[in-house]
Amino acid sequence: MSDLMFNLTEFTRLAQTGKAKDIDELLRILQEQDHFIVQKMIDYALGLVGCGEGRERIRYYLFNGSPVQRNYAALYFKRLGHIEVLEEAVRLNCIDEVQAFCR
């Protein structure tokens, strides 16, 4: 369990910096990890990204990431209520309507 706590602490630290390189690291780990708990910890950490640089980097992944990265980026914007970004991603076929608007 201590390894998981360390990871959550590290994931939280990376997200809270809001730096593009730290968001890249989180989304790289997300892409490489298929462990459900790790994915949920990264999902939680992404919810802590509050600055413009970090938000813009997540937006980059919404339009340019792998399917799993796009999905978690969509969750981030859905939770913030940024529907216009999700509508644009659907319009450009980056995500589908279910990813964008399903609750």
PDB file of N, CA and C in Angstrom:
ATOM      1  N   MET A   1       0.822  -1.202   0.000  1.00  0.00           N
ATOM      2  CA  MET A   1       0.000   0.000   0.000  1.00  0.00           C
ATOM      3  C   MET A   1       0.860   1.257   0.000  1.00  0.00           C
ATOM      4  N   SER A   2       2.022   1.213   0.632  1.00  0.00           N
ATOM      5  CA  SER A   2       2.856   2.414   0.688  1.00  0.00           C
ATOM      6  C   SER A   2       3.322   2.845  -0.694  1.00  0.00           C
ATOM      7  N   ASP A   3       3.551   1.882  -1.609  1.00  0.00           N
ATOM      8  CA  ASP A   3       3.911   2.251  -2.972  1.00  0.00           C
ATOM      9  C   ASP A   3       2.787   3.039  -3.634  1.00  0.00           C
ATOM     10  N   LEU A   4       1.539   2.613  -3.407  1.00  0.00           N
ATOM     11  CA  LEU A   4       0.401   3.327  -3.978  1.00  0.00           C
ATOM     12  C   LEU A   4       0.278   4.723  -3.393  1.00  0.00           C
ATOM     13  N   MET A   5       0.522   4.865  -2.101  1.00  0.00           N
ATOM     14  CA  MET A   5       0.445   6.183  -1.476  1.00  0.00           C
ATOM     15  C   MET A   5       1.538   7.092  -2.027  1.00  0.00           C
ATOM     16  N   PHE A   6       2.732   6.531  -2.215  1.00  0.00           N
ATOM     17  CA  PHE A   6       3.805   7.332  -2.794  1.00  0.00           C
ATOM     18  C   PHE A   6       3.404   7.802  -4.181  1.00  0.00           C
ATOM     19  N   ASN A   7       2.831   6.920  -4.961  1.00  0.00           N
ATOM     20  CA  ASN A   7       2.425   7.303  -6.300  1.00  0.00           C
ATOM     21  C   ASN A   7       1.349   8.374  -6.271  1.00  0.00           C
ATOM     22  N   LEU A   8       0.379   8.232  -5.403  1.00  0.00           N
ATOM     23  CA  LEU A   8      -0.659   9.255  -5.311  1.00  0.00           C
ATOM     24  C   LEU A   8      -0.047  10.586  -4.901  1.00  0.00           C
ATOM     25  N   THR A   9       0.879  10.549  -3.965  1.00  0.00           N
ATOM     26  CA  THR A   9       1.567  11.772  -3.551  1.00  0.00           C
ATOM     27  C   THR A   9       2.334  12.377  -4.716  1.00  0.00           C
ATOM     28  N   GLU A  10       3.038  11.544  -5.457  1.00  0.00           N
ATOM     29  CA  GLU A  10       3.807  12.029  -6.605  1.00  0.00           C
ATOM     30  C   GLU A  10       2.882  12.530  -7.714  1.00  0.00           C
ATOM     31  N   PHE A  11       1.825  11.790  -7.988  1.00  0.00           N
ATOM     32  CA  PHE A  11       0.884  12.222  -9.029  1.00  0.00           C
ATOM     33  C   PHE A  11       0.241  13.558  -8.655  1.00  0.00           C
ATOM     34  N   THR A  12      -0.099  13.708  -7.391  1.00  0.00           N
ATOM     35  CA  THR A  12      -0.687  14.952  -6.904  1.00  0.00           C
ATOM     36  C   THR A  12       0.300  16.102  -7.050  1.00  0.00           C
ATOM     37  N   ARG A  13       1.551  15.866  -6.690  1.00  0.00           N
ATOM     38  CA  ARG A  13       2.584  16.898  -6.818  1.00  0.00           C
ATOM     39  C   ARG A  13       2.737  17.326  -8.268  1.00  0.00           C
ATOM     40  N   LEU A  14       2.811  16.357  -9.176  1.00  0.00           N
ATOM     41  CA  LEU A  14       2.960  16.677 -10.597  1.00  0.00           C
ATOM     42  C   LEU A  14       1.780  17.511 -11.091  1.00  0.00           C
ATOM     43  N   ALA A  15       0.583  17.124 -10.710  1.00  0.00           N
ATOM     44  CA  ALA A  15      -0.609  17.847 -11.170  1.00  0.00           C
ATOM     45  C   ALA A  15      -0.647  19.268 -10.618  1.00  0.00           C
ATOM     46  N   GLN A  16      -0.272  19.415  -9.373  1.00  0.00           N
ATOM     47  CA  GLN A  16      -0.379  20.732  -8.748  1.00  0.00           C
ATOM     48  C   GLN A  16       0.654  21.727  -9.253  1.00  0.00           C
ATOM     49  N   THR A  17       1.757  21.253  -9.835  1.00  0.00           N
ATOM     50  CA  THR A  17       2.703  22.199 -10.427  1.00  0.00           C
ATOM     51  C   THR A  17       2.069  22.875 -11.630  1.00  0.00           C
ATOM     52  N   GLY A  18       1.249  22.102 -12.357  1.00  0.00           N
ATOM     53  CA  GLY A  18       0.587  22.633 -13.539  1.00  0.00           C
ATOM     54  C   GLY A  18       1.506  22.857 -14.717  1.00  0.00           C
ATOM     55  N   LYS A  19       2.739  22.402 -14.618  1.00  0.00           N
ATOM     56  CA  LYS A  19       3.687  22.578 -15.724  1.00  0.00           C
ATOM     57  C   LYS A  19       3.410  21.550 -16.814  1.00  0.00           C
ATOM     58  N   ALA A  20       3.596  21.980 -18.057  1.00  0.00           N
ATOM     59  CA  ALA A  20       3.335  21.098 -19.196  1.00  0.00           C
ATOM     60  C   ALA A  20       4.133  19.804 -19.091  1.00  0.00           C
ATOM     61  N   LYS A  21       5.391  19.881 -18.688  1.00  0.00           N
ATOM     62  CA  LYS A  21       6.226  18.675 -18.599  1.00  0.00           C
ATOM     63  C   LYS A  21       5.693  17.707 -17.544  1.00  0.00           C
ATOM     64  N   ASP A  22       5.082  18.222 -16.499  1.00  0.00           N
ATOM     65  CA  ASP A  22       4.524  17.362 -15.458  1.00  0.00           C
ATOM     66  C   ASP A  22       3.208  16.721 -15.911  1.00  0.00           C
ATOM     67  N   ILE A  23       2.421  17.466 -16.666  1.00  0.00           N
ATOM     68  CA  ILE A  23       1.196  16.893 -17.244  1.00  0.00           C
ATOM     69  C   ILE A  23       1.586  15.812 -18.249  1.00  0.00           C
ATOM     70  N   ASP A  24       2.633  16.072 -19.034  1.00  0.00           N
ATOM     71  CA  ASP A  24       3.140  15.063 -19.972  1.00  0.00           C
ATOM     72  C   ASP A  24       3.512  13.782 -19.237  1.00  0.00           C
ATOM     73  N   GLU A  25       4.174  13.916 -18.093  1.00  0.00           N
ATOM     74  CA  GLU A  25       4.587  12.744 -17.321  1.00  0.00           C
ATOM     75  C   GLU A  25       3.363  11.970 -16.825  1.00  0.00           C
ATOM     76  N   LEU A  26       2.376  12.661 -16.296  1.00  0.00           N
ATOM     77  CA  LEU A  26       1.164  11.984 -15.832  1.00  0.00           C
ATOM     78  C   LEU A  26       0.474  11.235 -16.974  1.00  0.00           C
ATOM     79  N   LEU A  27       0.365  11.874 -18.109  1.00  0.00           N
ATOM     80  CA  LEU A  27      -0.338  11.247 -19.219  1.00  0.00           C
ATOM     81  C   LEU A  27       0.505  10.167 -19.891  1.00  0.00           C
ATOM     82  N   ARG A  28       1.816  10.242 -19.759  1.00  0.00           N
ATOM     83  CA  ARG A  28       2.681   9.152 -20.225  1.00  0.00           C
ATOM     84  C   ARG A  28       2.446   7.920 -19.360  1.00  0.00           C
ATOM     85  N   ILE A  29       2.432   8.111 -18.047  1.00  0.00           N
ATOM     86  CA  ILE A  29       2.184   6.995 -17.127  1.00  0.00           C
ATOM     87  C   ILE A  29       0.798   6.419 -17.383  1.00  0.00           C
ATOM     88  N   LEU A  30      -0.182   7.277 -17.570  1.00  0.00           N
ATOM     89  CA  LEU A  30      -1.541   6.827 -17.858  1.00  0.00           C
ATOM     90  C   LEU A  30      -1.558   5.948 -19.104  1.00  0.00           C
ATOM     91  N   GLN A  31      -0.835   6.342 -20.121  1.00  0.00           N
ATOM     92  CA  GLN A  31      -0.779   5.585 -21.373  1.00  0.00           C
ATOM     93  C   GLN A  31      -0.110   4.221 -21.166  1.00  0.00           C
ATOM     94  N   GLU A  32       0.909   4.181 -20.338  1.00  0.00           N
ATOM     95  CA  GLU A  32       1.695   2.956 -20.157  1.00  0.00           C
ATOM     96  C   GLU A  32       1.104   2.004 -19.124  1.00  0.00           C
ATOM     97  N   GLN A  33       0.289   2.522 -18.212  1.00  0.00           N
ATOM     98  CA  GLN A  33      -0.258   1.718 -17.117  1.00  0.00           C
ATOM     99  C   GLN A  33      -1.667   1.259 -17.440  1.00  0.00           C
ATOM    100  N   ASP A  34      -1.927  -0.010 -17.247  1.00  0.00           N
ATOM    101  CA  ASP A  34      -3.303  -0.462 -17.404  1.00  0.00           C
ATOM    102  C   ASP A  34      -3.890  -0.915 -16.064  1.00  0.00           C
ATOM    103  N   HIS A  35      -3.206  -0.565 -14.991  1.00  0.00           N
ATOM    104  CA  HIS A  35      -3.691  -0.910 -13.659  1.00  0.00           C
ATOM    105  C   HIS A  35      -4.769   0.093 -13.259  1.00  0.00           C
ATOM    106  N   PHE A  36      -5.940  -0.420 -12.908  1.00  0.00           N
ATOM    107  CA  PHE A  36      -7.094   0.411 -12.608  1.00  0.00           C
ATOM    108  C   PHE A  36      -6.810   1.437 -11.501  1.00  0.00           C
ATOM    109  N   ILE A  37      -6.133   1.018 -10.451  1.00  0.00           N
ATOM    110  CA  ILE A  37      -5.874   1.931  -9.331  1.00  0.00           C
ATOM    111  C   ILE A  37      -4.966   3.076  -9.765  1.00  0.00           C
ATOM    112  N   VAL A  38      -3.955   2.775 -10.559  1.00  0.00           N
ATOM    113  CA  VAL A  38      -3.058   3.832 -11.060  1.00  0.00           C
ATOM    114  C   VAL A  38      -3.846   4.798 -11.936  1.00  0.00           C
ATOM    115  N   GLN A  39      -4.695   4.276 -12.796  1.00  0.00           N
ATOM    116  CA  GLN A  39      -5.510   5.142 -13.655  1.00  0.00           C
ATOM    117  C   GLN A  39      -6.412   6.047 -12.824  1.00  0.00           C
ATOM    118  N   LYS A  40      -7.011   5.512 -11.783  1.00  0.00           N
ATOM    119  CA  LYS A  40      -7.890   6.318 -10.925  1.00  0.00           C
ATOM    120  C   LYS A  40      -7.103   7.378 -10.149  1.00  0.00           C
ATOM    121  N   MET A  41      -5.892   7.027  -9.709  1.00  0.00           N
ATOM    122  CA  MET A  41      -5.074   8.016  -9.004  1.00  0.00           C
ATOM    123  C   MET A  41      -4.685   9.157  -9.933  1.00  0.00           C
ATOM    124  N   ILE A  42      -4.352   8.832 -11.173  1.00  0.00           N
ATOM    125  CA  ILE A  42      -4.000   9.881 -12.134  1.00  0.00           C
ATOM    126  C   ILE A  42      -5.235  10.711 -12.476  1.00  0.00           C
ATOM    127  N   ASP A  43      -6.374  10.064 -12.611  1.00  0.00           N
ATOM    128  CA  ASP A  43      -7.622  10.791 -12.855  1.00  0.00           C
ATOM    129  C   ASP A  43      -7.877  11.785 -11.726  1.00  0.00           C
ATOM    130  N   TYR A  44      -7.721  11.332 -10.493  1.00  0.00           N
ATOM    131  CA  TYR A  44      -7.880  12.224  -9.337  1.00  0.00           C
ATOM    132  C   TYR A  44      -6.890  13.386  -9.416  1.00  0.00           C
ATOM    133  N   ALA A  45      -5.626  13.067  -9.682  1.00  0.00           N
ATOM    134  CA  ALA A  45      -4.593  14.101  -9.730  1.00  0.00           C
ATOM    135  C   ALA A  45      -4.888  15.123 -10.827  1.00  0.00           C
ATOM    136  N   LEU A  46      -5.318  14.669 -11.981  1.00  0.00           N
ATOM    137  CA  LEU A  46      -5.627  15.608 -13.062  1.00  0.00           C
ATOM    138  C   LEU A  46      -6.706  16.601 -12.643  1.00  0.00           C
ATOM    139  N   GLY A  47      -7.607  16.169 -11.799  1.00  0.00           N
ATOM    140  CA  GLY A  47      -8.645  17.066 -11.300  1.00  0.00           C
ATOM    141  C   GLY A  47      -8.101  18.206 -10.467  1.00  0.00           C
ATOM    142  N   LEU A  48      -6.851  18.103 -10.045  1.00  0.00           N
ATOM    143  CA  LEU A  48      -6.217  19.150  -9.240  1.00  0.00           C
ATOM    144  C   LEU A  48      -5.499  20.194 -10.084  1.00  0.00           C
ATOM    145  N   VAL A  49      -5.409  19.954 -11.384  1.00  0.00           N
ATOM    146  CA  VAL A  49      -4.732  20.908 -12.277  1.00  0.00           C
ATOM    147  C   VAL A  49      -5.615  22.136 -12.399  1.00  0.00           C
ATOM    148  N   GLY A  50      -5.081  23.272 -11.975  1.00  0.00           N
ATOM    149  CA  GLY A  50      -5.901  24.469 -11.972  1.00  0.00           C
ATOM    150  C   GLY A  50      -5.338  25.636 -12.754  1.00  0.00           C
ATOM    151  N   CYS A  51      -4.085  25.554 -13.148  1.00  0.00           N
ATOM    152  CA  CYS A  51      -3.491  26.711 -13.830  1.00  0.00           C
ATOM    153  C   CYS A  51      -3.656  26.597 -15.340  1.00  0.00           C
ATOM    154  N   GLY A  52      -3.495  27.715 -15.993  1.00  0.00           N
ATOM    155  CA  GLY A  52      -3.672  27.790 -17.440  1.00  0.00           C
ATOM    156  C   GLY A  52      -2.735  26.908 -18.225  1.00  0.00           C
ATOM    157  N   GLU A  53      -1.459  26.859 -17.841  1.00  0.00           N
ATOM    158  CA  GLU A  53      -0.492  26.038 -18.577  1.00  0.00           C
ATOM    159  C   GLU A  53      -0.893  24.565 -18.515  1.00  0.00           C
ATOM    160  N   GLY A  54      -1.242  24.090 -17.347  1.00  0.00           N
ATOM    161  CA  GLY A  54      -1.649  22.701 -17.188  1.00  0.00           C
ATOM    162  C   GLY A  54      -2.932  22.394 -17.936  1.00  0.00           C
ATOM    163  N   ARG A  55      -3.884  23.292 -17.850  1.00  0.00           N
ATOM    164  CA  ARG A  55      -5.166  23.120 -18.546  1.00  0.00           C
ATOM    165  C   ARG A  55      -4.943  23.076 -20.057  1.00  0.00           C
ATOM    166  N   GLU A  56      -4.093  23.944 -20.548  1.00  0.00           N
ATOM    167  CA  GLU A  56      -3.801  23.952 -21.990  1.00  0.00           C
ATOM    168  C   GLU A  56      -3.107  22.674 -22.429  1.00  0.00           C
ATOM    169  N   ARG A  57      -2.263  22.134 -21.560  1.00  0.00           N
ATOM    170  CA  ARG A  57      -1.582  20.886 -21.913  1.00  0.00           C
ATOM    171  C   ARG A  57      -2.581  19.725 -21.938  1.00  0.00           C
ATOM    172  N   ILE A  58      -3.519  19.707 -21.019  1.00  0.00           N
ATOM    173  CA  ILE A  58      -4.555  18.675 -21.041  1.00  0.00           C
ATOM    174  C   ILE A  58      -5.409  18.836 -22.301  1.00  0.00           C
ATOM    175  N   ARG A  59      -5.676  20.078 -22.668  1.00  0.00           N
ATOM    176  CA  ARG A  59      -6.418  20.347 -23.911  1.00  0.00           C
ATOM    177  C   ARG A  59      -5.663  19.786 -25.113  1.00  0.00           C
ATOM    178  N   TYR A  60      -4.350  19.948 -25.124  1.00  0.00           N
ATOM    179  CA  TYR A  60      -3.522  19.379 -26.193  1.00  0.00           C
ATOM    180  C   TYR A  60      -3.787  17.873 -26.317  1.00  0.00           C
ATOM    181  N   TYR A  61      -3.804  17.169 -25.192  1.00  0.00           N
ATOM    182  CA  TYR A  61      -4.023  15.721 -25.211  1.00  0.00           C
ATOM    183  C   TYR A  61      -5.441  15.364 -25.640  1.00  0.00           C
ATOM    184  N   LEU A  62      -6.399  16.213 -25.363  1.00  0.00           N
ATOM    185  CA  LEU A  62      -7.765  15.972 -25.809  1.00  0.00           C
ATOM    186  C   LEU A  62      -7.815  15.882 -27.335  1.00  0.00           C
ATOM    187  N   PHE A  63      -7.020  16.683 -27.998  1.00  0.00           N
ATOM    188  CA  PHE A  63      -7.033  16.729 -29.458  1.00  0.00           C
ATOM    189  C   PHE A  63      -5.935  15.893 -30.113  1.00  0.00           C
ATOM    190  N   ASN A  64      -4.890  15.554 -29.373  1.00  0.00           N
ATOM    191  CA  ASN A  64      -3.731  14.911 -29.987  1.00  0.00           C
ATOM    192  C   ASN A  64      -3.255  13.639 -29.298  1.00  0.00           C
ATOM    193  N   GLY A  65      -3.843  13.283 -28.187  1.00  0.00           N
ATOM    194  CA  GLY A  65      -3.362  12.135 -27.430  1.00  0.00           C
ATOM    195  C   GLY A  65      -3.856  10.806 -27.970  1.00  0.00           C
ATOM    196  N   SER A  66      -3.436   9.755 -27.304  1.00  0.00           N
ATOM    197  CA  SER A  66      -3.926   8.417 -27.601  1.00  0.00           C
ATOM    198  C   SER A  66      -5.385   8.336 -27.135  1.00  0.00           C
ATOM    199  N   PRO A  67      -6.102   7.288 -27.510  1.00  0.00           N
ATOM    200  CA  PRO A  67      -7.496   7.178 -27.052  1.00  0.00           C
ATOM    201  C   PRO A  67      -7.661   7.269 -25.536  1.00  0.00           C
ATOM    202  N   VAL A  68      -6.816   6.617 -24.765  1.00  0.00           N
ATOM    203  CA  VAL A  68      -6.960   6.679 -23.303  1.00  0.00           C
ATOM    204  C   VAL A  68      -6.644   8.086 -22.789  1.00  0.00           C
ATOM    205  N   GLN A  69      -5.656   8.739 -23.363  1.00  0.00           N
ATOM    206  CA  GLN A  69      -5.322  10.105 -22.960  1.00  0.00           C
ATOM    207  C   GLN A  69      -6.460  11.054 -23.311  1.00  0.00           C
ATOM    208  N   ARG A  70      -7.042  10.880 -24.464  1.00  0.00           N
ATOM    209  CA  ARG A  70      -8.178  11.717 -24.867  1.00  0.00           C
ATOM    210  C   ARG A  70      -9.362  11.511 -23.922  1.00  0.00           C
ATOM    211  N   ASN A  71      -9.586  10.265 -23.531  1.00  0.00           N
ATOM    212  CA  ASN A  71     -10.698   9.967 -22.640  1.00  0.00           C
ATOM    213  C   ASN A  71     -10.530  10.670 -21.296  1.00  0.00           C
ATOM    214  N   TYR A  72      -9.355  10.601 -20.701  1.00  0.00           N
ATOM    215  CA  TYR A  72      -9.146  11.245 -19.404  1.00  0.00           C
ATOM    216  C   TYR A  72      -9.117  12.764 -19.528  1.00  0.00           C
ATOM    217  N   ALA A  73      -8.631  13.272 -20.651  1.00  0.00           N
ATOM    218  CA  ALA A  73      -8.691  14.718 -20.885  1.00  0.00           C
ATOM    219  C   ALA A  73     -10.148  15.163 -21.003  1.00  0.00           C
ATOM    220  N   ALA A  74     -10.960  14.360 -21.672  1.00  0.00           N
ATOM    221  CA  ALA A  74     -12.387  14.680 -21.787  1.00  0.00           C
ATOM    222  C   ALA A  74     -13.045  14.685 -20.414  1.00  0.00           C
ATOM    223  N   LEU A  75     -12.709  13.716 -19.570  1.00  0.00           N
ATOM    224  CA  LEU A  75     -13.250  13.698 -18.206  1.00  0.00           C
ATOM    225  C   LEU A  75     -12.888  14.970 -17.460  1.00  0.00           C
ATOM    226  N   TYR A  76     -11.658  15.416 -17.619  1.00  0.00           N
ATOM    227  CA  TYR A  76     -11.192  16.640 -16.955  1.00  0.00           C
ATOM    228  C   TYR A  76     -12.076  17.829 -17.350  1.00  0.00           C
ATOM    229  N   PHE A  77     -12.264  18.022 -18.653  1.00  0.00           N
ATOM    230  CA  PHE A  77     -13.052  19.170 -19.110  1.00  0.00           C
ATOM    231  C   PHE A  77     -14.535  19.008 -18.797  1.00  0.00           C
ATOM    232  N   LYS A  78     -15.021  17.774 -18.808  1.00  0.00           N
ATOM    233  CA  LYS A  78     -16.424  17.535 -18.451  1.00  0.00           C
ATOM    234  C   LYS A  78     -16.668  17.953 -17.004  1.00  0.00           C
ATOM    235  N   ARG A  79     -15.755  17.596 -16.119  1.00  0.00           N
ATOM    236  CA  ARG A  79     -15.914  17.950 -14.706  1.00  0.00           C
ATOM    237  C   ARG A  79     -15.865  19.455 -14.488  1.00  0.00           C
ATOM    238  N   LEU A  80     -15.107  20.139 -15.320  1.00  0.00           N
ATOM    239  CA  LEU A  80     -15.037  21.600 -15.209  1.00  0.00           C
ATOM    240  C   LEU A  80     -16.230  22.291 -15.860  1.00  0.00           C
ATOM    241  N   GLY A  81     -17.011  21.535 -16.615  1.00  0.00           N
ATOM    242  CA  GLY A  81     -18.143  22.123 -17.314  1.00  0.00           C
ATOM    243  C   GLY A  81     -17.753  22.878 -18.566  1.00  0.00           C
ATOM    244  N   HIS A  82     -16.604  22.570 -19.132  1.00  0.00           N
ATOM    245  CA  HIS A  82     -16.114  23.238 -20.345  1.00  0.00           C
ATOM    246  C   HIS A  82     -16.670  22.520 -21.578  1.00  0.00           C
ATOM    247  N   ILE A  83     -17.946  22.660 -21.773  1.00  0.00           N
ATOM    248  CA  ILE A  83     -18.662  21.961 -22.830  1.00  0.00           C
ATOM    249  C   ILE A  83     -18.177  22.388 -24.214  1.00  0.00           C
ATOM    250  N   GLU A  84     -17.825  23.657 -24.371  1.00  0.00           N
ATOM    251  CA  GLU A  84     -17.396  24.143 -25.690  1.00  0.00           C
ATOM    252  C   GLU A  84     -16.142  23.417 -26.180  1.00  0.00           C
ATOM    253  N   VAL A  85     -15.238  23.090 -25.290  1.00  0.00           N
ATOM    254  CA  VAL A  85     -14.025  22.352 -25.663  1.00  0.00           C
ATOM    255  C   VAL A  85     -14.403  20.937 -26.087  1.00  0.00           C
ATOM    256  N   LEU A  86     -15.316  20.328 -25.357  1.00  0.00           N
ATOM    257  CA  LEU A  86     -15.768  18.980 -25.697  1.00  0.00           C
ATOM    258  C   LEU A  86     -16.517  18.964 -27.027  1.00  0.00           C
ATOM    259  N   GLU A  87     -17.336  19.977 -27.262  1.00  0.00           N
ATOM    260  CA  GLU A  87     -18.058  20.060 -28.537  1.00  0.00           C
ATOM    261  C   GLU A  87     -17.081  20.173 -29.702  1.00  0.00           C
ATOM    262  N   GLU A  88     -16.031  20.952 -29.512  1.00  0.00           N
ATOM    263  CA  GLU A  88     -15.017  21.082 -30.568  1.00  0.00           C
ATOM    264  C   GLU A  88     -14.317  19.748 -30.808  1.00  0.00           C
ATOM    265  N   ALA A  89     -13.983  19.037 -29.742  1.00  0.00           N
ATOM    266  CA  ALA A  89     -13.310  17.733 -29.878  1.00  0.00           C
ATOM    267  C   ALA A  89     -14.210  16.729 -30.600  1.00  0.00           C
ATOM    268  N   VAL A  90     -15.508  16.758 -30.324  1.00  0.00           N
ATOM    269  CA  VAL A  90     -16.451  15.876 -31.024  1.00  0.00           C
ATOM    270  C   VAL A  90     -16.512  16.275 -32.496  1.00  0.00           C
ATOM    271  N   ARG A  91     -16.634  17.554 -32.758  1.00  0.00           N
ATOM    272  CA  ARG A  91     -16.728  18.056 -34.133  1.00  0.00           C
ATOM    273  C   ARG A  91     -15.508  17.650 -34.965  1.00  0.00           C
ATOM    274  N   LEU A  92     -14.336  17.596 -34.323  1.00  0.00           N
ATOM    275  CA  LEU A  92     -13.098  17.227 -35.023  1.00  0.00           C
ATOM    276  C   LEU A  92     -12.814  15.725 -34.968  1.00  0.00           C
ATOM    277  N   ASN A  93     -13.784  14.955 -34.454  1.00  0.00           N
ATOM    278  CA  ASN A  93     -13.667  13.495 -34.347  1.00  0.00           C
ATOM    279  C   ASN A  93     -12.505  13.031 -33.481  1.00  0.00           C
ATOM    280  N   CYS A  94     -12.172  13.812 -32.484  1.00  0.00           N
ATOM    281  CA  CYS A  94     -11.133  13.415 -31.533  1.00  0.00           C
ATOM    282  C   CYS A  94     -11.708  12.488 -30.461  1.00  0.00           C
ATOM    283  N   ILE A  95     -12.942  12.727 -30.097  1.00  0.00           N
ATOM    284  CA  ILE A  95     -13.689  11.883 -29.167  1.00  0.00           C
ATOM    285  C   ILE A  95     -15.096  11.748 -29.702  1.00  0.00           C
ATOM    286  N   ASP A  96     -15.832  10.781 -29.183  1.00  0.00           N
ATOM    287  CA  ASP A  96     -17.216  10.660 -29.624  1.00  0.00           C
ATOM    288  C   ASP A  96     -18.158  11.318 -28.624  1.00  0.00           C
ATOM    289  N   GLU A  97     -19.406  11.398 -28.971  1.00  0.00           N
ATOM    290  CA  GLU A  97     -20.382  12.074 -28.117  1.00  0.00           C
ATOM    291  C   GLU A  97     -20.542  11.390 -26.768  1.00  0.00           C
ATOM    292  N   VAL A  98     -20.406  10.076 -26.739  1.00  0.00           N
ATOM    293  CA  VAL A  98     -20.535   9.359 -25.468  1.00  0.00           C
ATOM    294  C   VAL A  98     -19.422   9.782 -24.524  1.00  0.00           C
ATOM    295  N   GLN A  99     -18.181   9.823 -25.030  1.00  0.00           N
ATOM    296  CA  GLN A  99     -17.059  10.279 -24.194  1.00  0.00           C
ATOM    297  C   GLN A  99     -17.283  11.705 -23.715  1.00  0.00           C
ATOM    298  N   ALA A 100     -17.799  12.535 -24.577  1.00  0.00           N
ATOM    299  CA  ALA A 100     -17.931  13.944 -24.258  1.00  0.00           C
ATOM    300  C   ALA A 100     -19.057  14.240 -23.287  1.00  0.00           C
ATOM    301  N   PHE A 101     -20.173  13.556 -23.428  1.00  0.00           N
ATOM    302  CA  PHE A 101     -21.365  14.012 -22.718  1.00  0.00           C
ATOM    303  C   PHE A 101     -22.039  12.987 -21.821  1.00  0.00           C
ATOM    304  N   CYS A 102     -21.583  11.756 -21.819  1.00  0.00           N
ATOM    305  CA  CYS A 102     -22.188  10.732 -20.957  1.00  0.00           C
ATOM    306  C   CYS A 102     -21.863  11.034 -19.497  1.00  0.00           C
ATOM    307  N   ARG A 103     -22.819  10.843 -18.631  1.00  0.00           N
ATOM    308  CA  ARG A 103     -22.605  11.087 -17.192  1.00  0.00           C
ATOM    309  C   ARG A 103     -22.279   9.836 -16.535  1.00  0.00           C
TER     310      ARG A 103
END
